[in-house]
Structures are given as C-alpha cells and as structure tokens.
Amino acid sequence: MWVKDQRPIELVDLPAFGRPARLVWHKRRWVCPAASCPVGSFTETATHIAAARLVMTDRAGRWVTEQVGRHKRSVNEVAVELGCDWHTINDTVIAYGTPLVEDPDRIGDVDALGLDETLFARLGRWRHQHWSTSIVDVRRGQLLDVIPGRSAAGACEWLAGRDQRWLDAIRFAVLDLSGPWRLAFDTMLPDATQVADPFHVCKLANQRLDEVRRRVQNETLGHRGRKHDPLYRSRRLLTRADERLDDRGREKLVGLLQAGDPKGEVRMAWHAKEVVRQIYDHTDPDVGLEFVIRLGADLQDDSCPPEVRQLGRTITRWRHQIAAWHRAHVSNGPTEAANNLIKVVKRIAFGFTSFRNYRIRTLLYAGRPNWDLLPTVTPTTP
C-alpha cells in the first residue's frame, strides 16, 4: 500500500485562551496495488483524534457531551463557545451520549416501578400534543427510560424487552388512577402489588369538590364564579388541608358556605375530601383496607352529590391499589420529580421536535448514567 494523497480536514476543538480553535488533520488516503483487494483505496482513521463521520475532535466531543448532558447547558450556548453550528454539537452529544444511556448497568435491579406521562411536544400545523411515558425506579428516584406515547402498548413493549429475572424482582408497581398503566402492570407484572399514588387520590377528591362547587355556583346564581361570589371566594380555602386552616380561615370558610351553598352540597363534598385524606392516617394495612372499602360505599349514598358518588365508585374500583400504600409506602413522587427534571431540559432546549434527541438529553441529565465511563465509550455515529 502507498499514499495516494493527503487531504486537510478541519475539526472543531476545545477553545484555546478563550477563543474557538480548529485542529487541521491531514488525512492520508491509501491505495492497495493488489488486484484482488476488494477496497482499492481507503482513508485512514484515528479514533484518538476524531470519531468517524464527526467533525469534532475526540476530546472536544467528550467535553461537550458532559457540558450538555451533565451540566444541562444548551446546545446553542456550547456551539457559540466553540464557534460551530448547532448540529455539530447535537450530533456529537448523541454519538457519545448514546452508549452512556444504553449501558446495561445503568438501570440495575428495581424493587418498585412507577409510570407517568409528560408532554413531549406540540407538533404540526394544529399543534397536536404528543406525549411521552417516564419509567422510573421510585425507590432510588432514577429515570430509567422515556418512551413515546402514553398507552399500555408502549409500556408493555418496553417491559417485554427486559429479561424475566429483572421483571420478577419488581415487587411494587406505582401508578396514578390510570387505566392504561393498570392494564400494562396487569399484563406484564401480574405478581407485583399495584399501589395507587396518594397524591393523585387526594387530587381526585379535590377535583370532585371543585366540580360540585362550580355546579352549585351555576345553579344558584346562573353564571360562573365572579369576584364577589361566596363560592368563588371560597375556592382556595376548600382545597386547603383542614389542619392548615387557622380559626380565622375556618370561620371565613363556614361563612362563605352558609352564604353560597343553600343545600349543603359543597360542604358535604368538602367533608368527603377530608375523609379521603384520612386514608393515609392509618398505619395498619388491614384497617386501612377496611377503611377504604367502607369509605367507598359511604360516598355512594343517595344523599351525596353526584360528583361525590362518582368519587365513591372510583375509590371502590381502586380500593386494593389505594390500600396497598399501607404495605408498600411508595409513591409516584420520584416519578413526578423526574418529570420536573425533564421539563428543565425542555426549557433549556426551548422544546424538542426529535424524540431521539429528547430521550438522550433527558436520560443524560436525569437517568444517572455512569459519567466515569465517558472517557472509555466508543461513540455511535450514524
């Protein structure tokens, strides 16, 4: 083999003395004189200088991956610092970041698994909402993966990609009161104990209370809540926990209900909300289950407003998942925290349109990759 020619290739490098720098690599092109050679000619490669098909040096590539992925800097900010375009930085982050998030040791064994959805993007002419599903280890608070959509099929497909030993180690499956997540857990984790998230149970009670308040508002005054309407003025006091109301606040709430709630429906919904919160005052699992069963039946009494009866039916339908919290003591709080970290990345990036970029960037920041592996990873270039 002999050298056919040399071509200068300009590579983006780390800044020098606060200014963008370029490394010029004179790549040699080799030619093979053997007639049987299937290649004929080829260009030399040197991965310690730069990965194939990337226009950035290897040391700069690892640096920008840590800056964007670990320190949540925006791609554009790093591009300005290095004096290159957005795509150069983004392609490099994807190439070096993919091996980190796909590292099989990153996930590890999971004892309690949580699912929740978060908005990925609004796309198209009509800005249709596209959702994503966050899969989280709620014991460690680690984001395991992000998948497109918010259906049971997507969650089942992801779980089907795990080995059976990993699935068998999951003892608790945490969810909000969502039918798709319940179906996914019933299908893929039939032996895991499903746990309804306490926050969403209390949130549902508050939603039903607010529905009663708005309905009574329209029935009594014939219009939506206005500034001086008693029920509109009570909306924040109604959703506040009873123990957080001082004497003045409780007196004000009772007065507003007397003025705007002639049939006592809002007051009844308020008491129902407070009783639902008392589910989590119990410490004995058996007593907790009995309390939930009786509460669901009591809230379906004919004397209750229709919204409260609907709440009672929901509690009855999810009674085992709600009462399971007394044994598991796990919630979807870490899942919501992971969603907050995802929103931080989205805000810094000013939104995403590519799900691949969205997934890699969020997992680099919230998925707890082993950053000690960054100097050793082999970039995955397209």
Protein backbone atom coordinates (compact mmCIF):
# COMPACT_ATOMS: atom_id res chain seq x y z
CA MET A 1 0.00 0.00 0.00
CA TRP A 2 1.12 3.53 -0.65
CA VAL A 3 -0.18 7.01 -0.03
CA LYS A 4 -2.47 8.22 -2.78
CA ASP A 5 -2.95 11.76 -1.48
CA GLN A 6 -3.49 13.86 1.65
CA ARG A 7 -6.50 15.99 2.39
CA PRO A 8 -6.70 18.58 5.18
CA ILE A 9 -9.74 18.03 7.42
CA GLU A 10 -10.72 20.83 9.79
CA LEU A 11 -12.05 19.63 13.15
CA VAL A 12 -13.73 21.62 15.90
CA ASP A 13 -11.53 21.50 19.00
CA LEU A 14 -11.69 22.81 22.55
CA PRO A 15 -11.34 26.59 22.94
CA ALA A 16 -7.82 27.91 23.38
CA PHE A 17 -7.25 31.00 25.54
CA GLY A 18 -10.96 31.76 25.43
CA ARG A 19 -11.19 31.64 21.63
CA PRO A 20 -12.62 28.95 19.33
CA ALA A 21 -9.94 26.64 17.96
CA ARG A 22 -9.64 24.32 14.98
CA LEU A 23 -7.47 21.27 14.54
CA VAL A 24 -6.37 20.56 10.97
CA TRP A 25 -5.80 16.87 10.32
CA HIS A 26 -4.04 15.94 7.11
CA LYS A 27 -5.77 12.67 6.41
CA ARG A 28 -3.88 10.26 4.20
CA ARG A 29 -5.67 8.27 1.58
CA TRP A 30 -4.19 4.86 0.95
CA VAL A 31 -4.35 2.74 -2.18
CA CYS A 32 -3.80 -1.01 -2.41
CA PRO A 33 -1.99 -2.21 -5.56
CA ALA A 34 -3.26 -5.77 -5.22
CA ALA A 35 -5.80 -6.58 -7.91
CA SER A 36 -7.63 -8.91 -5.51
CA CYS A 37 -8.20 -6.19 -2.91
CA PRO A 38 -11.96 -5.58 -2.59
CA VAL A 39 -11.49 -1.99 -1.36
CA GLY A 40 -8.84 -0.50 -3.58
CA SER A 41 -8.43 2.73 -1.66
CA PHE A 42 -9.43 3.95 1.77
CA THR A 43 -8.93 6.88 4.14
CA GLU A 44 -7.06 6.44 7.38
CA THR A 45 -8.88 6.57 10.71
CA ALA A 46 -7.62 7.56 14.13
CA THR A 47 -10.26 7.39 16.84
CA HIS A 48 -7.99 9.12 19.33
CA ILE A 49 -8.15 12.19 17.09
CA ALA A 50 -11.78 12.08 15.98
CA ALA A 51 -14.56 9.56 15.59
CA ALA A 52 -15.63 8.58 12.10
CA ARG A 53 -18.12 10.93 10.41
CA LEU A 54 -17.88 13.54 13.18
CA VAL A 55 -16.36 16.96 12.58
CA MET A 56 -15.17 17.38 16.16
CA THR A 57 -12.09 16.08 17.93
CA ASP A 58 -12.48 13.23 20.38
CA ARG A 59 -11.50 15.31 23.41
CA ALA A 60 -13.91 18.08 22.43
CA GLY A 61 -16.67 15.53 21.84
CA ARG A 62 -16.40 14.10 25.33
CA TRP A 63 -16.27 17.59 26.82
CA VAL A 64 -19.41 18.86 25.06
CA THR A 65 -21.29 15.67 26.00
CA GLU A 66 -20.65 16.35 29.66
CA GLN A 67 -21.45 20.05 29.33
CA VAL A 68 -24.80 19.45 27.62
CA GLY A 69 -25.80 16.19 29.30
CA ARG A 70 -24.49 16.50 32.84
CA HIS A 71 -24.44 20.26 33.36
CA LYS A 72 -27.62 20.89 31.30
CA ARG A 73 -26.12 23.62 29.17
CA SER A 74 -27.98 24.39 25.97
CA VAL A 75 -26.60 23.09 22.69
CA ASN A 76 -26.63 26.59 21.24
CA GLU A 77 -24.62 28.00 24.17
CA VAL A 78 -21.88 25.40 23.72
CA ALA A 79 -21.94 25.89 19.94
CA VAL A 80 -21.33 29.62 20.36
CA GLU A 81 -18.44 28.93 22.74
CA LEU A 82 -16.79 26.52 20.26
CA GLY A 83 -17.62 28.64 17.21
CA CYS A 84 -19.57 25.95 15.34
CA ASP A 85 -23.17 25.26 14.40
CA TRP A 86 -25.93 23.64 16.46
CA HIS A 87 -25.94 20.35 14.54
CA THR A 88 -22.24 19.77 15.15
CA ILE A 89 -22.74 19.85 18.91
CA ASN A 90 -26.01 17.92 18.90
CA ASP A 91 -24.68 15.11 16.67
CA THR A 92 -21.67 14.77 18.94
CA VAL A 93 -23.78 14.64 22.12
CA ILE A 94 -25.96 11.93 20.59
CA ALA A 95 -22.92 9.93 19.42
CA TYR A 96 -21.12 9.98 22.78
CA GLY A 97 -24.23 10.03 24.96
CA THR A 98 -25.99 7.02 23.47
CA PRO A 99 -23.51 4.45 24.88
CA LEU A 100 -23.88 6.04 28.32
CA VAL A 101 -27.67 5.80 28.45
CA GLU A 102 -27.70 2.33 26.85
CA ASP A 103 -25.23 0.99 29.40
CA PRO A 104 -26.92 -2.17 30.81
CA ASP A 105 -25.52 -1.48 34.27
CA ARG A 106 -27.23 1.91 34.43
CA ILE A 107 -30.67 0.50 35.29
CA GLY A 108 -29.81 -2.31 37.67
CA ASP A 109 -32.40 -4.20 39.73
CA VAL A 110 -35.67 -2.43 40.50
CA ASP A 111 -37.89 -3.08 43.52
CA ALA A 112 -40.64 -0.52 42.84
CA LEU A 113 -41.50 0.76 39.35
CA GLY A 114 -43.50 3.89 38.56
CA LEU A 115 -45.11 5.17 35.36
CA ASP A 116 -46.36 8.61 34.47
CA GLU A 117 -46.84 10.69 31.34
CA THR A 118 -45.42 14.07 30.43
CA LEU A 119 -45.86 16.27 27.39
CA PHE A 120 -43.15 15.75 24.77
CA ALA A 121 -44.07 18.40 22.19
CA ARG A 122 -46.83 20.16 20.28
CA LEU A 123 -46.23 19.38 16.63
CA GLY A 124 -47.82 20.07 13.29
CA ARG A 125 -49.93 22.88 11.96
CA TRP A 126 -52.54 22.46 14.67
CA ARG A 127 -50.01 21.95 17.46
CA HIS A 128 -51.23 18.48 18.37
CA GLN A 129 -49.98 17.23 21.71
CA HIS A 130 -47.50 14.35 21.64
CA TRP A 131 -46.89 12.63 24.96
CA SER A 132 -44.12 10.52 26.42
CA THR A 133 -44.06 8.00 29.25
CA SER A 134 -41.50 8.22 32.04
CA ILE A 135 -40.41 4.92 33.56
CA VAL A 136 -38.87 5.46 37.00
CA ASP A 137 -37.35 3.44 39.80
CA VAL A 138 -39.30 5.08 42.63
CA ARG A 139 -37.09 3.61 45.35
CA ARG A 140 -33.95 5.30 44.05
CA GLY A 141 -35.69 8.13 42.20
CA GLN A 142 -33.92 7.25 38.95
CA LEU A 143 -35.35 7.83 35.49
CA LEU A 144 -34.92 4.50 33.71
CA ASP A 145 -36.22 5.39 30.27
CA VAL A 146 -38.53 7.62 28.26
CA ILE A 147 -40.78 6.10 25.59
CA PRO A 148 -43.14 7.76 23.09
CA GLY A 149 -46.87 7.86 23.75
CA ARG A 150 -48.83 7.18 26.91
CA SER A 151 -50.53 3.89 26.11
CA ALA A 152 -50.43 0.48 27.72
CA ALA A 153 -48.96 -0.94 24.50
CA GLY A 154 -45.83 1.20 24.75
CA ALA A 155 -45.25 0.33 28.41
CA CYS A 156 -45.84 -3.38 27.70
CA GLU A 157 -43.36 -3.29 24.80
CA TRP A 158 -40.69 -1.70 26.99
CA LEU A 159 -41.25 -4.21 29.81
CA ALA A 160 -41.23 -7.07 27.31
CA GLY A 161 -37.68 -6.03 26.38
CA ARG A 162 -36.47 -6.75 29.93
CA ASP A 163 -35.43 -10.23 30.99
CA GLN A 164 -37.72 -12.26 33.21
CA ARG A 165 -35.37 -12.16 36.19
CA TRP A 166 -35.50 -8.36 36.16
CA LEU A 167 -39.29 -8.36 35.96
CA ASP A 168 -39.62 -10.88 38.79
CA ALA A 169 -37.60 -8.61 41.10
CA ILE A 170 -40.26 -5.85 40.90
CA ARG A 171 -42.48 -6.11 43.98
CA PHE A 172 -44.47 -2.88 43.67
CA ALA A 173 -45.93 -1.11 40.64
CA VAL A 174 -46.87 2.50 41.37
CA LEU A 175 -49.40 4.37 39.25
CA ASP A 176 -51.90 7.17 39.31
CA LEU A 177 -55.55 6.24 38.78
CA SER A 178 -54.86 5.48 35.12
CA GLY A 179 -56.43 2.62 33.19
CA PRO A 180 -53.56 2.19 30.67
CA TRP A 181 -50.93 1.85 33.41
CA ARG A 182 -53.14 -0.61 35.27
CA LEU A 183 -53.52 -2.69 32.10
CA ALA A 184 -49.76 -2.63 31.48
CA PHE A 185 -49.00 -3.82 35.00
CA ASP A 186 -51.74 -6.46 34.88
CA THR A 187 -50.25 -7.79 31.64
CA MET A 188 -46.52 -7.64 32.29
CA LEU A 189 -46.22 -7.62 36.11
CA PRO A 190 -49.10 -9.78 37.35
CA ASP A 191 -47.28 -10.69 40.59
CA ALA A 192 -46.36 -7.12 41.54
CA THR A 193 -48.53 -5.26 44.05
CA GLN A 194 -50.09 -2.21 42.42
CA VAL A 195 -50.02 0.94 44.54
CA ALA A 196 -52.18 3.98 43.80
CA ASP A 197 -50.26 7.21 44.32
CA PRO A 198 -51.65 9.06 47.41
CA PHE A 199 -51.21 12.47 45.82
CA HIS A 200 -53.44 11.55 42.88
CA VAL A 201 -56.07 10.04 45.17
CA CYS A 202 -56.29 13.29 47.16
CA LYS A 203 -56.13 15.29 43.94
CA LEU A 204 -59.14 13.39 42.60
CA ALA A 205 -61.10 14.23 45.76
CA ASN A 206 -60.22 17.90 45.30
CA GLN A 207 -61.30 17.77 41.66
CA ARG A 208 -64.70 16.35 42.59
CA LEU A 209 -65.06 19.03 45.26
CA ASP A 210 -64.30 21.73 42.70
CA GLU A 211 -66.84 20.23 40.29
CA VAL A 212 -69.52 20.39 43.00
CA ARG A 213 -68.62 24.00 43.79
CA ARG A 214 -68.83 25.08 40.15
CA ARG A 215 -72.13 23.27 39.58
CA VAL A 216 -73.73 24.77 42.68
CA GLN A 217 -72.39 28.18 41.65
CA ASN A 218 -74.22 27.95 38.31
CA GLU A 219 -77.40 26.55 39.83
CA THR A 220 -77.72 29.27 42.49
CA LEU A 221 -76.51 32.36 40.60
CA GLY A 222 -76.82 31.33 36.96
CA HIS A 223 -73.27 32.20 35.98
CA ARG A 224 -69.68 31.20 36.53
CA GLY A 225 -67.84 32.37 39.62
CA ARG A 226 -67.19 36.07 39.89
CA LYS A 227 -65.02 38.10 42.17
CA HIS A 228 -67.56 38.73 44.92
CA ASP A 229 -69.47 35.41 44.77
CA PRO A 230 -69.23 33.47 48.06
CA LEU A 231 -68.36 30.10 46.48
CA TYR A 232 -65.77 31.66 44.18
CA ARG A 233 -64.13 33.35 47.15
CA SER A 234 -64.02 30.01 48.99
CA ARG A 235 -62.31 28.02 46.22
CA ARG A 236 -58.81 28.11 47.72
CA LEU A 237 -59.97 27.57 51.30
CA LEU A 238 -61.91 24.48 50.21
CA THR A 239 -58.85 22.74 48.74
CA ARG A 240 -56.60 23.61 51.67
CA ALA A 241 -55.99 20.87 54.21
CA ASP A 242 -58.19 21.23 57.29
CA GLU A 243 -55.23 21.23 59.67
CA ARG A 244 -53.74 24.16 57.76
CA LEU A 245 -56.77 26.34 58.35
CA ASP A 246 -56.49 28.66 61.34
CA ASP A 247 -59.54 29.82 63.28
CA ARG A 248 -59.97 32.87 61.09
CA GLY A 249 -59.76 30.85 57.89
CA ARG A 250 -62.19 28.21 59.12
CA GLU A 251 -64.66 30.85 60.25
CA LYS A 252 -64.42 32.57 56.88
CA LEU A 253 -64.96 29.28 55.02
CA VAL A 254 -68.02 28.35 57.08
CA GLY A 255 -69.50 31.81 56.49
CA LEU A 256 -68.95 31.62 52.74
CA LEU A 257 -70.53 28.17 52.56
CA GLN A 258 -73.56 29.37 54.52
CA ALA A 259 -73.97 32.25 52.07
CA GLY A 260 -73.47 30.36 48.80
CA ASP A 261 -74.32 26.70 49.47
CA PRO A 262 -78.03 26.54 50.36
CA LYS A 263 -78.35 22.73 50.09
CA GLY A 264 -75.06 21.92 51.78
CA GLU A 265 -73.68 20.02 48.77
CA VAL A 266 -70.34 21.81 48.73
CA ARG A 267 -69.96 21.31 52.47
CA MET A 268 -70.63 17.58 52.02
CA ALA A 269 -68.03 17.36 49.23
CA TRP A 270 -65.57 19.23 51.44
CA HIS A 271 -66.07 16.72 54.26
CA ALA A 272 -65.69 13.86 51.74
CA LYS A 273 -62.36 15.29 50.63
CA GLU A 274 -61.12 15.47 54.19
CA VAL A 275 -62.21 11.89 54.90
CA VAL A 276 -60.35 10.69 51.80
CA ARG A 277 -57.22 12.34 53.18
CA GLN A 278 -57.69 10.38 56.40
CA ILE A 279 -57.00 7.16 54.48
CA TYR A 280 -53.31 7.84 54.99
CA ASP A 281 -53.61 8.45 58.73
CA HIS A 282 -53.85 4.70 59.35
CA THR A 283 -50.79 2.57 59.96
CA ASP A 284 -52.32 -0.92 59.99
CA PRO A 285 -52.74 -2.32 56.43
CA ASP A 286 -55.85 -4.35 57.28
CA VAL A 287 -57.53 -1.41 58.97
CA GLY A 288 -56.58 0.77 56.00
CA LEU A 289 -58.25 -1.61 53.53
CA GLU A 290 -61.40 -1.85 55.65
CA PHE A 291 -61.50 1.97 55.90
CA VAL A 292 -61.19 2.35 52.11
CA ILE A 293 -63.94 -0.23 51.45
CA ARG A 294 -66.36 1.44 53.86
CA LEU A 295 -65.48 4.90 52.60
CA GLY A 296 -66.16 3.92 49.00
CA ALA A 297 -69.56 2.54 49.99
CA ASP A 298 -70.49 5.55 52.16
CA LEU A 299 -69.64 8.06 49.43
CA GLN A 300 -72.05 6.31 47.06
CA ASP A 301 -75.03 7.00 49.33
CA ASP A 302 -78.01 8.62 47.59
CA SER A 303 -77.79 11.64 49.89
CA CYS A 304 -74.39 12.59 48.44
CA PRO A 305 -73.97 14.90 45.42
CA PRO A 306 -73.47 13.04 42.11
CA GLU A 307 -69.81 14.07 41.93
CA VAL A 308 -69.17 12.59 45.37
CA ARG A 309 -70.94 9.37 44.38
CA GLN A 310 -68.65 9.19 41.36
CA LEU A 311 -65.68 9.60 43.71
CA GLY A 312 -67.02 6.73 45.80
CA ARG A 313 -67.28 4.47 42.75
CA THR A 314 -63.69 5.29 41.79
CA ILE A 315 -62.43 4.54 45.29
CA THR A 316 -64.31 1.25 45.31
CA ARG A 317 -62.86 0.28 41.93
CA TRP A 318 -59.31 1.09 43.05
CA ARG A 319 -59.68 0.03 46.69
CA HIS A 320 -56.92 -2.58 46.67
CA GLN A 321 -54.43 -0.28 44.93
CA ILE A 322 -55.26 2.57 47.33
CA ALA A 323 -54.95 0.39 50.44
CA ALA A 324 -51.72 -1.18 49.15
CA TRP A 325 -49.88 2.01 50.08
CA HIS A 326 -50.08 0.99 53.75
CA ARG A 327 -47.87 -2.02 52.98
CA ALA A 328 -45.54 -0.59 50.32
CA HIS A 329 -45.12 3.05 51.44
CA VAL A 330 -44.01 4.04 47.94
CA SER A 331 -45.49 6.76 45.79
CA ASN A 332 -45.11 8.36 42.37
CA GLY A 333 -43.37 11.35 43.94
CA PRO A 334 -39.99 10.36 42.43
CA THR A 335 -41.71 9.96 39.05
CA GLU A 336 -43.07 13.50 39.29
CA ALA A 337 -39.60 14.68 40.29
CA ALA A 338 -38.14 13.01 37.20
CA ASN A 339 -40.78 14.76 35.09
CA ASN A 340 -39.69 18.07 36.60
CA LEU A 341 -36.09 17.36 35.56
CA ILE A 342 -37.34 16.52 32.06
CA LYS A 343 -39.12 19.88 31.94
CA VAL A 344 -35.89 21.61 32.97
CA VAL A 345 -34.13 20.08 29.96
CA LYS A 346 -37.04 21.01 27.69
CA ARG A 347 -37.00 24.60 28.93
CA ILE A 348 -33.24 24.94 28.38
CA ALA A 349 -33.56 23.43 24.90
CA PHE A 350 -36.60 25.62 24.08
CA GLY A 351 -38.51 22.43 23.27
CA PHE A 352 -37.81 19.38 21.14
CA THR A 353 -39.12 18.04 17.85
CA SER A 354 -36.93 14.92 17.61
CA PHE A 355 -37.80 12.20 20.10
CA ARG A 356 -34.30 10.72 19.81
CA ASN A 357 -32.72 13.99 20.92
CA TYR A 358 -35.33 14.35 23.67
CA ARG A 359 -34.69 10.87 25.04
CA ILE A 360 -30.89 11.06 25.04
CA ARG A 361 -30.76 14.54 26.56
CA THR A 362 -33.23 13.74 29.35
CA LEU A 363 -31.57 10.43 30.23
CA LEU A 364 -28.12 12.04 30.31
CA TYR A 365 -29.40 14.56 32.84
CA ALA A 366 -31.97 12.61 34.88
CA GLY A 367 -31.12 8.98 34.12
CA ARG A 368 -27.98 8.87 36.28
CA PRO A 369 -25.51 7.47 33.73
CA ASN A 370 -22.05 6.49 34.93
CA TRP A 371 -20.03 9.51 33.86
CA ASP A 372 -16.82 7.72 34.77
CA LEU A 373 -17.36 5.67 31.61
CA LEU A 374 -17.31 8.75 29.35
CA PRO A 375 -13.52 8.60 28.69
CA THR A 376 -13.85 4.98 27.58
CA VAL A 377 -17.03 4.93 25.47
CA THR A 378 -16.96 4.37 21.73
CA PRO A 379 -19.23 6.92 20.02
CA THR A 380 -22.08 5.53 17.95
CA THR A 381 -22.02 7.55 14.74
CA PRO A 382 -24.76 7.14 12.14
